[in-house]
């Protein structure tokens, strides 16, 4: 007696098809599982045997061999319980329908109840897109998540008995269509109208959002750095349909999608504490799970108290900030997770928080040098906008008459994004921050006056080639904000102001 069932295993956020083969033959009564499997997959043997027994399905005293192919792919997770059970039932003749067009995923408990699993969304999406499967049997609590994929036919099941009844033609209407409807995830981020004063910071944040530039705020405690960072997602444009699905895939792999509230409409905002570990920040571990940078994909990664992060951990962000993804390798496995985020960092100007106010600052010159050296120059070079957050004056605290709402700022940002998407429609990047060096002369063309101005500034400020390119990208964004086709001197001047903080706090070592 032999049968096969289709299922899949995740590699990052990509699904790899797996075939579950079951052979029941004469021989010593054993239950063997092979196919490069982890211990949690091997434990499916006991769960499936007990669940079948509790539904009066007694395995014959024969040799039962289960193979999960291909053997060169490592199998992990608990989603193989249902496909193994179905393959056994098919081999025993208890299920008599054609199951070749179905794909099965799900975990069983000992009583035969079907439990939800992680990663249903990317599995259903990839298998549907590839054309390998159109019909899926998934746990009841994963139904709404699976239904996010257009054209996929989803059956949600609660128990092993429901599964047998459905496959044998005794369909249960309330099993196929859960009573609840999929809801959208509507979060309400704090509004910029609550931020009094700090017009320079607001302008810098709008510029960063308009071109998707990384930004760093340096200022004393109480200047509003965290308050502004928390409002950054409120001025970013809504996610596109493709971006919603892409972000939701990452959250599905982490098991963070709620079956009653599965569609992630809002751009993520992640704010890990500075005590975060390397694995939690960039991902990894035994199962190679996504980290905070992947959970912030297409959103904002806020790193408060930047200099307090453990030594070297911040520099791990350099490659993802440029590539938009992170490659994690463990042994012979290599997994890629998306990590295209806008970095919003904040820090105090010194240990006591009051530099360069030498009447209040208690830090010595060596202390200041050690403090600033915690942020490496290569990391600083990857931050497009660096702004000083000055202390807020009393009259600014009580005056909110001129505050713009996040919606007003967001409308301008969206207009700027549309300009860039039209301009870069034939490129592999969509925003000014992503302009490659070989395209800078074309998209950031400087006239005679602008070129002369930048030549003067380059020598006067001791800029590096990388810093010069950053200034051009930010100036291109500022020009777009004014709906200007060409970059002018005033745009370059403002972009340079967003880099002048380097000299003040990091000095000549960061030129």
Protein backbone atom coordinates (compact mmCIF):
# COMPACT_ATOMS: atom_id res chain seq x y z
CA UNK A 1 0.00 0.00 0.00
CA UNK A 2 1.55 3.24 -1.16
CA UNK A 3 0.40 6.89 -1.31
CA UNK A 4 1.79 10.39 -1.72
CA UNK A 5 0.64 13.78 -0.42
CA UNK A 6 1.83 17.28 -1.30
CA UNK A 7 2.97 19.76 1.32
CA UNK A 8 5.76 22.36 1.68
CA UNK A 9 8.49 23.61 3.98
CA UNK A 10 9.70 27.18 4.36
CA UNK A 11 13.16 28.45 3.55
CA UNK A 12 13.05 32.03 4.78
CA UNK A 13 9.81 33.35 3.31
CA UNK A 14 9.94 31.02 0.29
CA UNK A 15 8.09 27.72 0.12
CA UNK A 16 9.87 24.57 -1.05
CA UNK A 17 7.53 21.77 -2.22
CA UNK A 18 7.76 18.52 -0.27
CA UNK A 19 6.27 15.12 -1.14
CA UNK A 20 5.18 12.90 1.76
CA UNK A 21 5.43 9.25 0.73
CA UNK A 22 3.91 6.45 2.79
CA UNK A 23 4.51 2.75 2.20
CA UNK A 24 2.75 0.09 4.29
CA UNK A 25 4.19 -3.36 3.63
CA UNK A 26 4.67 -6.72 5.28
CA UNK A 27 7.46 -7.02 7.77
CA UNK A 28 8.27 -6.25 11.37
CA UNK A 29 5.70 -3.75 12.82
CA UNK A 30 7.74 -0.53 12.87
CA UNK A 31 7.04 3.11 12.07
CA UNK A 32 10.04 4.71 10.35
CA UNK A 33 10.43 8.31 9.17
CA UNK A 34 13.25 9.41 6.87
CA UNK A 35 14.08 12.39 4.68
CA UNK A 36 16.48 14.78 6.45
CA UNK A 37 14.07 15.68 9.26
CA UNK A 38 14.50 17.55 12.54
CA UNK A 39 13.43 16.21 15.93
CA UNK A 40 10.15 18.16 15.90
CA UNK A 41 9.23 16.55 12.56
CA UNK A 42 10.26 13.13 13.86
CA UNK A 43 7.92 13.63 16.85
CA UNK A 44 5.02 13.79 14.37
CA UNK A 45 5.10 9.99 14.43
CA UNK A 46 3.70 9.85 17.97
CA UNK A 47 1.21 12.66 17.44
CA UNK A 48 -0.20 11.14 14.26
CA UNK A 49 -0.39 7.58 15.63
CA UNK A 50 -2.24 8.71 18.77
CA UNK A 51 -4.58 11.06 16.89
CA UNK A 52 -5.50 8.29 14.44
CA UNK A 53 -6.07 5.87 17.33
CA UNK A 54 -8.46 8.34 18.96
CA UNK A 55 -10.48 8.32 15.73
CA UNK A 56 -10.62 4.50 15.75
CA UNK A 57 -7.99 4.17 13.03
CA UNK A 58 -5.69 1.37 14.11
CA UNK A 59 -2.50 0.93 12.16
CA UNK A 60 -1.96 -2.66 10.99
CA UNK A 61 0.89 -4.69 12.40
CA UNK A 62 3.03 -3.98 9.36
CA UNK A 63 6.07 -1.96 8.40
CA UNK A 64 5.15 1.71 7.91
CA UNK A 65 7.79 3.81 6.15
CA UNK A 66 7.37 7.55 5.67
CA UNK A 67 9.70 9.54 3.43
CA UNK A 68 9.75 13.31 3.09
CA UNK A 69 11.41 14.15 -0.21
CA UNK A 70 13.57 15.73 -1.52
CA UNK A 71 16.10 14.40 0.96
CA UNK A 72 18.57 17.24 0.42
CA UNK A 73 16.14 19.79 1.94
CA UNK A 74 16.05 20.05 5.73
CA UNK A 75 12.48 19.56 7.05
CA UNK A 76 11.46 21.44 10.19
CA UNK A 77 8.28 22.65 11.85
CA UNK A 78 5.05 20.92 12.93
CA UNK A 79 3.08 21.39 9.72
CA UNK A 80 3.79 17.87 8.47
CA UNK A 81 1.35 16.16 10.88
CA UNK A 82 -1.71 16.56 8.63
CA UNK A 83 -0.01 15.50 5.35
CA UNK A 84 1.45 12.42 7.09
CA UNK A 85 -1.94 11.51 8.53
CA UNK A 86 -3.65 11.98 5.14
CA UNK A 87 -1.02 9.87 3.38
CA UNK A 88 -1.53 7.04 5.90
CA UNK A 89 -5.33 7.24 5.59
CA UNK A 90 -5.02 7.17 1.81
CA UNK A 91 -2.72 4.15 1.90
CA UNK A 92 -5.18 2.36 4.22
CA UNK A 93 -8.09 3.11 1.89
CA UNK A 94 -9.97 5.14 4.51
CA UNK A 95 -9.74 8.18 2.21
CA UNK A 96 -10.85 7.12 -1.25
CA UNK A 97 -10.88 10.41 -3.20
CA UNK A 98 -8.20 11.83 -5.49
CA UNK A 99 -6.00 14.08 -3.34
CA UNK A 100 -3.32 14.89 -5.93
CA UNK A 101 -4.70 18.41 -6.49
CA UNK A 102 -4.63 19.27 -2.77
CA UNK A 103 -1.82 20.53 -0.58
CA UNK A 104 -2.00 19.82 3.15
CA UNK A 105 -0.46 21.72 6.07
CA UNK A 106 -1.25 21.53 9.78
CA UNK A 107 -0.37 20.20 13.22
CA UNK A 108 -2.30 17.59 15.21
CA UNK A 109 -2.67 17.20 18.93
CA UNK A 110 -3.22 13.81 20.52
CA UNK A 111 -7.01 14.13 20.51
CA UNK A 112 -7.08 14.78 16.75
CA UNK A 113 -7.69 18.52 16.89
CA UNK A 114 -5.93 20.53 14.20
CA UNK A 115 -3.64 23.29 15.47
CA UNK A 116 -2.43 26.39 13.57
CA UNK A 117 1.11 26.62 12.21
CA UNK A 118 3.45 29.43 11.21
CA UNK A 119 4.09 30.48 7.63
CA UNK A 120 0.78 29.56 5.98
CA UNK A 121 0.69 32.76 3.91
CA UNK A 122 4.03 32.31 2.06
CA UNK A 123 3.31 28.62 1.49
CA UNK A 124 -0.09 29.24 -0.09
CA UNK A 125 1.18 32.25 -2.06
CA UNK A 126 4.25 30.53 -3.54
CA UNK A 127 2.45 27.31 -4.38
CA UNK A 128 -0.40 29.21 -6.05
CA UNK A 129 1.95 31.48 -8.01
CA UNK A 130 3.99 28.53 -9.24
CA UNK A 131 0.86 26.66 -10.30
CA UNK A 132 1.79 23.56 -8.31
CA UNK A 133 -1.41 23.73 -6.25
CA UNK A 134 -4.66 25.69 -6.18
CA UNK A 135 -6.47 23.81 -3.41
CA UNK A 136 -5.21 23.87 0.18
CA UNK A 137 -6.31 22.20 3.40
CA UNK A 138 -5.17 24.29 6.36
CA UNK A 139 -6.00 24.60 10.07
CA UNK A 140 -9.18 26.47 10.86
CA UNK A 141 -7.23 29.18 12.71
CA UNK A 142 -5.06 29.79 9.63
CA UNK A 143 -7.99 30.08 7.23
CA UNK A 144 -8.23 33.89 7.00
CA UNK A 145 -4.47 34.15 6.58
CA UNK A 146 -4.52 31.69 3.68
CA UNK A 147 -7.48 33.48 2.07
CA UNK A 148 -5.29 36.54 1.50
CA UNK A 149 -3.94 34.82 -1.61
CA UNK A 150 -6.17 35.43 -4.66
CA UNK A 151 -7.30 32.40 -6.68
CA UNK A 152 -6.41 29.94 -3.90
CA UNK A 153 -9.18 27.57 -2.83
CA UNK A 154 -8.93 27.13 0.93
CA UNK A 155 -10.52 24.54 3.19
CA UNK A 156 -10.23 25.19 6.91
CA UNK A 157 -10.51 22.20 9.25
CA UNK A 158 -10.87 21.89 13.02
CA UNK A 159 -10.37 18.17 13.58
CA UNK A 160 -9.05 15.06 11.88
CA UNK A 161 -12.65 13.82 11.63
CA UNK A 162 -13.63 16.94 9.68
CA UNK A 163 -10.77 16.29 7.29
CA UNK A 164 -11.85 12.69 6.62
CA UNK A 165 -15.46 13.76 6.11
CA UNK A 166 -14.56 16.54 3.66
CA UNK A 167 -12.22 14.40 1.56
CA UNK A 168 -14.75 11.61 1.37
CA UNK A 169 -17.41 13.99 0.08
CA UNK A 170 -19.32 14.74 3.29
CA UNK A 171 -18.57 18.48 3.18
CA UNK A 172 -19.42 20.54 6.22
CA UNK A 173 -20.38 24.11 5.16
CA UNK A 174 -19.20 25.76 8.37
CA UNK A 175 -15.85 24.02 8.00
CA UNK A 176 -15.15 25.30 4.51
CA UNK A 177 -16.11 28.90 5.31
CA UNK A 178 -15.48 30.13 8.87
CA UNK A 179 -18.13 32.41 10.25
CA UNK A 180 -15.72 35.26 10.90
CA UNK A 181 -14.58 37.58 8.13
CA UNK A 182 -11.05 38.75 7.52
CA UNK A 183 -10.43 42.17 9.00
CA UNK A 184 -7.84 44.74 8.13
CA UNK A 185 -5.19 45.90 10.52
CA UNK A 186 -5.84 49.58 11.18
CA UNK A 187 -3.35 51.19 13.55
CA UNK A 188 -3.41 54.84 14.48
CA UNK A 189 0.05 56.25 14.96
CA UNK A 190 0.58 59.43 17.00
CA UNK A 191 0.18 62.68 15.04
CA UNK A 192 2.80 65.33 14.27
CA UNK A 193 0.32 68.00 15.35
CA UNK A 194 1.25 67.12 18.95
CA UNK A 195 4.88 68.17 18.39
CA UNK A 196 5.42 71.82 19.30
CA UNK A 197 8.41 73.69 17.94
CA UNK A 198 11.29 71.72 16.36
CA UNK A 199 10.55 72.99 12.85
CA UNK A 200 14.00 71.91 11.65
CA UNK A 201 13.42 68.37 12.84
CA UNK A 202 9.99 68.25 11.20
CA UNK A 203 11.49 69.44 7.93
CA UNK A 204 14.25 66.83 8.20
CA UNK A 205 11.70 64.07 8.88
CA UNK A 206 9.61 65.12 5.89
CA UNK A 207 12.73 65.06 3.73
CA UNK A 208 13.69 61.63 5.05
CA UNK A 209 10.19 60.26 4.38
CA UNK A 210 10.02 61.86 0.92
CA UNK A 211 13.19 60.14 -0.29
CA UNK A 212 13.24 57.19 2.17
CA UNK A 213 16.51 58.44 3.64
CA UNK A 214 17.98 57.12 6.89
CA UNK A 215 18.02 59.78 9.60
CA UNK A 216 19.86 60.41 12.88
CA UNK A 217 18.81 62.93 15.57
CA UNK A 218 21.38 64.06 18.14
CA UNK A 219 20.21 66.14 21.06
CA UNK A 220 19.80 66.45 24.84
CA UNK A 221 17.20 64.50 26.82
CA UNK A 222 13.69 65.95 26.50
CA UNK A 223 14.25 67.49 23.06
CA UNK A 224 11.50 65.32 21.54
CA UNK A 225 13.60 62.78 19.62
CA UNK A 226 11.55 59.75 20.64
CA UNK A 227 8.28 61.65 20.32
CA UNK A 228 9.09 62.55 16.72
CA UNK A 229 10.36 59.06 15.86
CA UNK A 230 7.08 57.49 17.00
CA UNK A 231 5.24 59.73 14.54
CA UNK A 232 7.44 58.93 11.57
CA UNK A 233 5.21 56.10 10.22
CA UNK A 234 2.22 58.47 10.19
CA UNK A 235 3.72 60.53 7.34
CA UNK A 236 4.78 57.57 5.18
CA UNK A 237 2.49 56.57 2.28
CA UNK A 238 0.26 53.50 2.69
CA UNK A 239 1.67 50.14 1.70
CA UNK A 240 0.90 48.95 -1.82
CA UNK A 241 -0.92 45.64 -2.22
CA UNK A 242 2.34 43.87 -3.08
CA UNK A 243 4.07 45.43 -0.07
CA UNK A 244 1.23 44.37 2.25
CA UNK A 245 1.64 40.78 1.14
CA UNK A 246 5.42 40.93 1.39
CA UNK A 247 5.35 42.31 4.93
CA UNK A 248 2.61 39.90 5.98
CA UNK A 249 4.75 36.98 4.80
CA UNK A 250 7.50 37.92 7.26
CA UNK A 251 5.02 38.23 10.11
CA UNK A 252 3.44 34.92 9.11
CA UNK A 253 6.78 33.13 9.37
CA UNK A 254 7.16 34.56 12.89
CA UNK A 255 3.63 33.53 13.84
CA UNK A 256 2.61 37.16 14.43
CA UNK A 257 -0.45 37.23 12.17
CA UNK A 258 -3.81 37.05 13.93
CA UNK A 259 -6.33 34.89 12.06
CA UNK A 260 -9.01 37.48 12.90
CA UNK A 261 -6.84 40.41 11.82
CA UNK A 262 -4.44 39.19 9.20
CA UNK A 263 -3.86 41.92 6.64
CA UNK A 264 -1.06 44.29 7.63
CA UNK A 265 -2.13 47.63 6.17
CA UNK A 266 0.25 49.83 8.14
CA UNK A 267 3.95 50.28 7.73
CA UNK A 268 5.74 48.50 10.59
CA UNK A 269 7.37 50.45 13.39
CA UNK A 270 9.93 48.45 15.37
CA UNK A 271 11.80 49.85 18.33
CA UNK A 272 14.15 47.26 19.87
CA UNK A 273 15.82 48.11 23.19
CA UNK A 274 19.56 48.73 23.10
CA UNK A 275 20.08 45.48 25.06
CA UNK A 276 18.83 43.51 22.02
CA UNK A 277 20.94 40.53 20.99
CA UNK A 278 22.46 40.03 17.55
CA UNK A 279 20.02 37.21 16.77
CA UNK A 280 17.00 39.28 17.81
CA UNK A 281 18.15 42.26 15.74
CA UNK A 282 19.22 40.73 12.42
CA UNK A 283 17.71 37.24 12.76
CA UNK A 284 19.14 33.75 13.11
CA UNK A 285 18.99 31.06 15.78
CA UNK A 286 18.60 27.32 15.31
CA UNK A 287 15.57 27.77 13.04
CA UNK A 288 17.01 30.92 11.38
CA UNK A 289 14.04 33.16 12.13
CA UNK A 290 13.64 36.83 11.03
CA UNK A 291 14.95 39.58 13.30
CA UNK A 292 13.81 43.12 14.02
CA UNK A 293 15.25 44.46 10.77
CA UNK A 294 13.03 42.06 8.79
CA UNK A 295 9.99 42.82 10.94
CA UNK A 296 10.62 46.49 10.06
CA UNK A 297 10.59 45.70 6.33
CA UNK A 298 8.94 48.55 4.36
CA UNK A 299 8.58 50.45 7.62
CA UNK A 300 10.64 52.25 10.27
CA UNK A 301 13.35 50.75 12.47
CA UNK A 302 13.81 53.08 15.44
CA UNK A 303 17.07 52.71 17.37
CA UNK A 304 16.94 54.94 20.43
CA UNK A 305 20.11 55.56 22.44
CA UNK A 306 22.16 54.46 19.43
CA UNK A 307 25.53 54.55 21.19
CA UNK A 308 24.27 52.25 23.97
CA UNK A 309 23.86 49.24 21.67
CA UNK A 310 26.43 46.53 22.27
CA UNK A 311 29.74 46.95 20.53
CA UNK A 312 29.69 45.97 16.88
CA UNK A 313 25.99 45.10 16.71
CA UNK A 314 25.06 48.35 14.92
CA UNK A 315 27.64 47.70 12.21
CA UNK A 316 25.75 44.53 11.32
CA UNK A 317 23.11 46.79 9.78
CA UNK A 318 25.46 48.21 7.16
CA UNK A 319 24.92 45.51 4.53
CA UNK A 320 21.11 45.29 4.96
CA UNK A 321 20.84 49.09 4.75
CA UNK A 322 22.43 48.99 1.30
CA UNK A 323 21.08 45.68 -0.01
CA UNK A 324 17.52 45.74 1.38
CA UNK A 325 17.84 42.16 2.63
CA UNK A 326 19.84 40.07 5.08
CA UNK A 327 21.51 36.74 4.28
CA UNK A 328 21.79 34.41 7.28
CA UNK A 329 23.99 31.32 7.06
CA UNK A 330 24.11 28.49 9.60
CA UNK A 331 26.11 25.39 8.71
CA UNK A 332 25.12 24.38 5.19
CA UNK A 333 21.94 26.47 5.23
CA UNK A 334 21.62 29.98 3.83
CA UNK A 335 18.38 31.95 4.08
CA UNK A 336 17.54 35.43 2.82
CA UNK A 337 14.99 37.62 4.60
CA UNK A 338 13.84 41.03 3.31
CA UNK A 339 15.09 44.02 5.32
CA UNK A 340 14.26 47.17 3.37
CA UNK A 341 13.64 49.63 6.20
CA UNK A 342 14.01 53.32 6.96
CA UNK A 343 16.44 53.69 9.85
CA UNK A 344 15.50 56.36 12.41
CA UNK A 345 18.23 56.64 15.04
CA UNK A 346 18.49 58.94 18.06
CA UNK A 347 21.20 59.59 20.62
CA UNK A 348 22.31 62.05 23.28
CA UNK A 349 25.24 64.33 22.40
CA UNK A 350 27.37 62.89 25.22
CA UNK A 351 27.23 60.74 28.35
CA UNK A 352 25.68 63.47 30.48
CA UNK A 353 23.52 64.69 27.59
CA UNK A 354 24.45 68.39 27.46
CA UNK A 355 27.41 68.72 25.08
CA UNK A 356 28.27 71.22 23.52
CA UNK A 357 26.84 73.37 26.37
CA UNK A 358 30.09 73.41 28.34
CA UNK A 359 28.43 75.24 31.26
CA UNK A 360 26.36 72.12 31.92
CA UNK A 361 28.37 69.34 30.27
CA UNK A 362 30.60 67.41 32.70
CA UNK A 363 32.33 65.23 30.09
CA UNK A 364 36.07 65.43 29.45
CA UNK A 365 37.57 65.45 25.96
CA UNK A 366 38.69 61.78 26.14
CA UNK A 367 35.22 60.83 27.39
CA UNK A 368 33.60 62.64 24.48
CA UNK A 369 35.98 60.98 22.00
CA UNK A 370 35.21 57.51 23.33
CA UNK A 371 31.49 58.30 23.27
CA UNK A 372 31.39 59.32 19.63
CA UNK A 373 33.74 56.52 18.54
CA UNK A 374 31.02 54.03 19.48
CA UNK A 375 29.43 54.92 16.12
CA UNK A 376 31.78 53.85 13.36
CA UNK A 377 32.44 56.06 10.35
CA UNK A 378 31.17 53.43 7.84
CA UNK A 379 27.88 53.29 9.77
CA UNK A 380 27.62 57.07 9.94
CA UNK A 381 28.25 57.30 6.20
CA UNK A 382 25.15 55.20 5.57
CA UNK A 383 22.90 57.70 7.33
CA UNK A 384 21.81 60.37 4.85
CA UNK A 385 20.43 62.98 7.25
CA UNK A 386 22.03 63.92 10.58
CA UNK A 387 20.29 66.69 12.51
CA UNK A 388 20.84 68.30 15.89
CA UNK A 389 17.74 68.31 18.09
CA UNK A 390 17.96 71.50 20.13
CA UNK A 391 16.22 71.88 23.48
CA UNK A 392 12.68 73.21 23.17
CA UNK A 393 12.03 76.70 24.53
CA UNK A 394 9.11 77.43 26.84
CA UNK A 395 7.21 79.58 24.37
CA UNK A 396 7.42 76.75 21.83
CA UNK A 397 6.08 74.23 24.33
CA UNK A 398 2.86 76.15 24.89
CA UNK A 399 2.33 77.26 21.26
CA UNK A 400 0.77 74.67 18.96
CA UNK A 401 -1.08 77.07 16.67
CA UNK A 402 1.21 76.42 13.68
CA UNK A 403 1.49 72.66 13.98
CA UNK A 404 0.75 70.69 10.83
CA UNK A 405 -1.04 67.36 11.05
CA UNK A 406 0.57 64.14 9.90
CA UNK A 407 -2.01 63.92 7.12
CA UNK A 408 -0.94 67.30 5.70
CA UNK A 409 2.70 66.24 5.68
CA UNK A 410 1.83 62.80 4.34
CA UNK A 411 0.04 64.27 1.31
CA UNK A 412 3.21 66.10 0.31
CA UNK A 413 5.32 62.98 0.89
CA UNK A 414 2.99 60.91 -1.29
CA UNK A 415 3.24 63.49 -4.09
CA UNK A 416 7.02 63.29 -3.85
CA UNK A 417 6.92 59.49 -3.99
CA UNK A 418 4.80 59.56 -7.12
CA UNK A 419 7.37 61.81 -8.81
CA UNK A 420 10.14 59.36 -7.97
CA UNK A 421 8.23 56.24 -8.99
CA UNK A 422 7.50 57.78 -12.38
CA UNK A 423 11.11 58.86 -12.80
CA UNK A 424 12.55 55.47 -11.81
CA UNK A 425 9.92 53.26 -13.43
CA UNK A 426 12.58 51.59 -15.57
CA UNK A 427 15.12 51.23 -12.76
CA UNK A 428 15.53 48.62 -10.04
CA UNK A 429 15.06 51.29 -7.33
CA UNK A 430 12.07 53.49 -6.54
CA UNK A 431 13.36 56.26 -4.28
CA UNK A 432 16.12 58.85 -4.33
CA UNK A 433 17.94 57.12 -1.48
CA UNK A 434 18.44 54.11 -3.75
CA UNK A 435 20.04 55.91 -6.72
CA UNK A 436 23.11 53.92 -7.65
CA UNK A 437 26.44 55.70 -8.06
CA UNK A 438 26.53 55.12 -11.81
CA UNK A 439 23.15 56.86 -12.21
CA UNK A 440 23.91 59.91 -10.05
CA UNK A 441 25.22 62.01 -12.97
CA UNK A 442 22.00 61.41 -14.85
CA UNK A 443 19.39 61.80 -12.11
CA UNK A 444 21.29 64.34 -9.98
CA UNK A 445 22.69 66.48 -12.78
CA UNK A 446 24.32 69.72 -11.61
CA UNK A 447 24.49 72.89 -13.66
CA UNK A 448 27.59 75.05 -13.91
CA UNK A 449 26.79 77.14 -10.83
CA UNK A 450 25.78 74.10 -8.76
CA UNK A 451 28.90 72.21 -9.77
CA UNK A 452 31.11 75.14 -8.85
CA UNK A 453 29.34 75.46 -5.49
CA UNK A 454 29.83 71.79 -4.68
CA UNK A 455 33.48 71.91 -5.71
CA UNK A 456 33.99 74.72 -3.24
CA UNK A 457 32.07 72.90 -0.46
CA UNK A 458 33.91 69.64 -1.14
CA UNK A 459 37.28 71.24 -0.44
CA UNK A 460 36.09 73.52 2.36
CA UNK A 461 34.29 70.78 4.33
CA UNK A 462 36.69 67.99 3.45
CA UNK A 463 33.91 65.75 2.15
CA UNK A 464 34.44 62.16 1.06
CA UNK A 465 33.09 60.72 -2.19
CA UNK A 466 30.42 58.78 -0.26
CA UNK A 467 29.31 61.88 1.65
CA UNK A 468 29.18 63.86 -1.59
CA UNK A 469 26.91 61.24 -3.12
CA UNK A 470 24.66 61.33 -0.05
CA UNK A 471 24.33 65.10 -0.40
CA UNK A 472 23.33 64.74 -4.05
CA UNK A 473 20.62 62.19 -3.22
CA UNK A 474 19.16 64.33 -0.44
CA UNK A 475 19.32 67.44 -2.66
CA UNK A 476 17.41 65.50 -5.34
CA UNK A 477 14.69 64.81 -2.76
CA UNK A 478 14.54 68.44 -1.64
CA UNK A 479 14.17 69.50 -5.28
CA UNK A 480 11.34 66.98 -5.71
CA UNK A 481 9.62 68.40 -2.63
CA UNK A 482 9.55 71.75 -4.45
CA UNK A 483 8.54 70.04 -7.70
CA UNK A 484 11.73 71.23 -9.37
CA UNK A 485 13.18 69.27 -12.28
CA UNK A 486 16.72 70.46 -11.62
CA UNK A 487 18.81 70.66 -8.47
CA UNK A 488 19.68 74.23 -7.48
CA UNK A 489 22.20 75.71 -5.06
CA UNK A 490 19.55 76.17 -2.33
CA UNK A 491 18.77 72.46 -2.47
CA UNK A 492 22.44 71.57 -2.16
CA UNK A 493 22.87 74.02 0.69
CA UNK A 494 20.04 72.47 2.70
CA UNK A 495 21.38 68.96 2.02
CA UNK A 496 24.82 70.04 3.26
CA UNK A 497 23.24 71.39 6.44
CA UNK A 498 21.98 67.88 7.11
CA UNK A 499 25.61 66.69 7.15
CA UNK A 500 27.26 69.59 9.01
CA UNK A 501 26.52 67.95 12.37
CA UNK A 502 29.35 65.51 11.67
CA UNK A 503 31.99 68.17 12.14
CA UNK A 504 30.41 69.47 15.33
CA UNK A 505 30.14 66.14 17.12
CA UNK A 506 32.53 63.74 15.39
CA UNK A 507 35.15 66.22 14.22
CA UNK A 508 37.80 65.59 11.63
CA UNK A 509 37.89 61.84 12.26
CA UNK A 510 34.63 61.51 10.31
CA UNK A 511 35.56 63.46 7.24
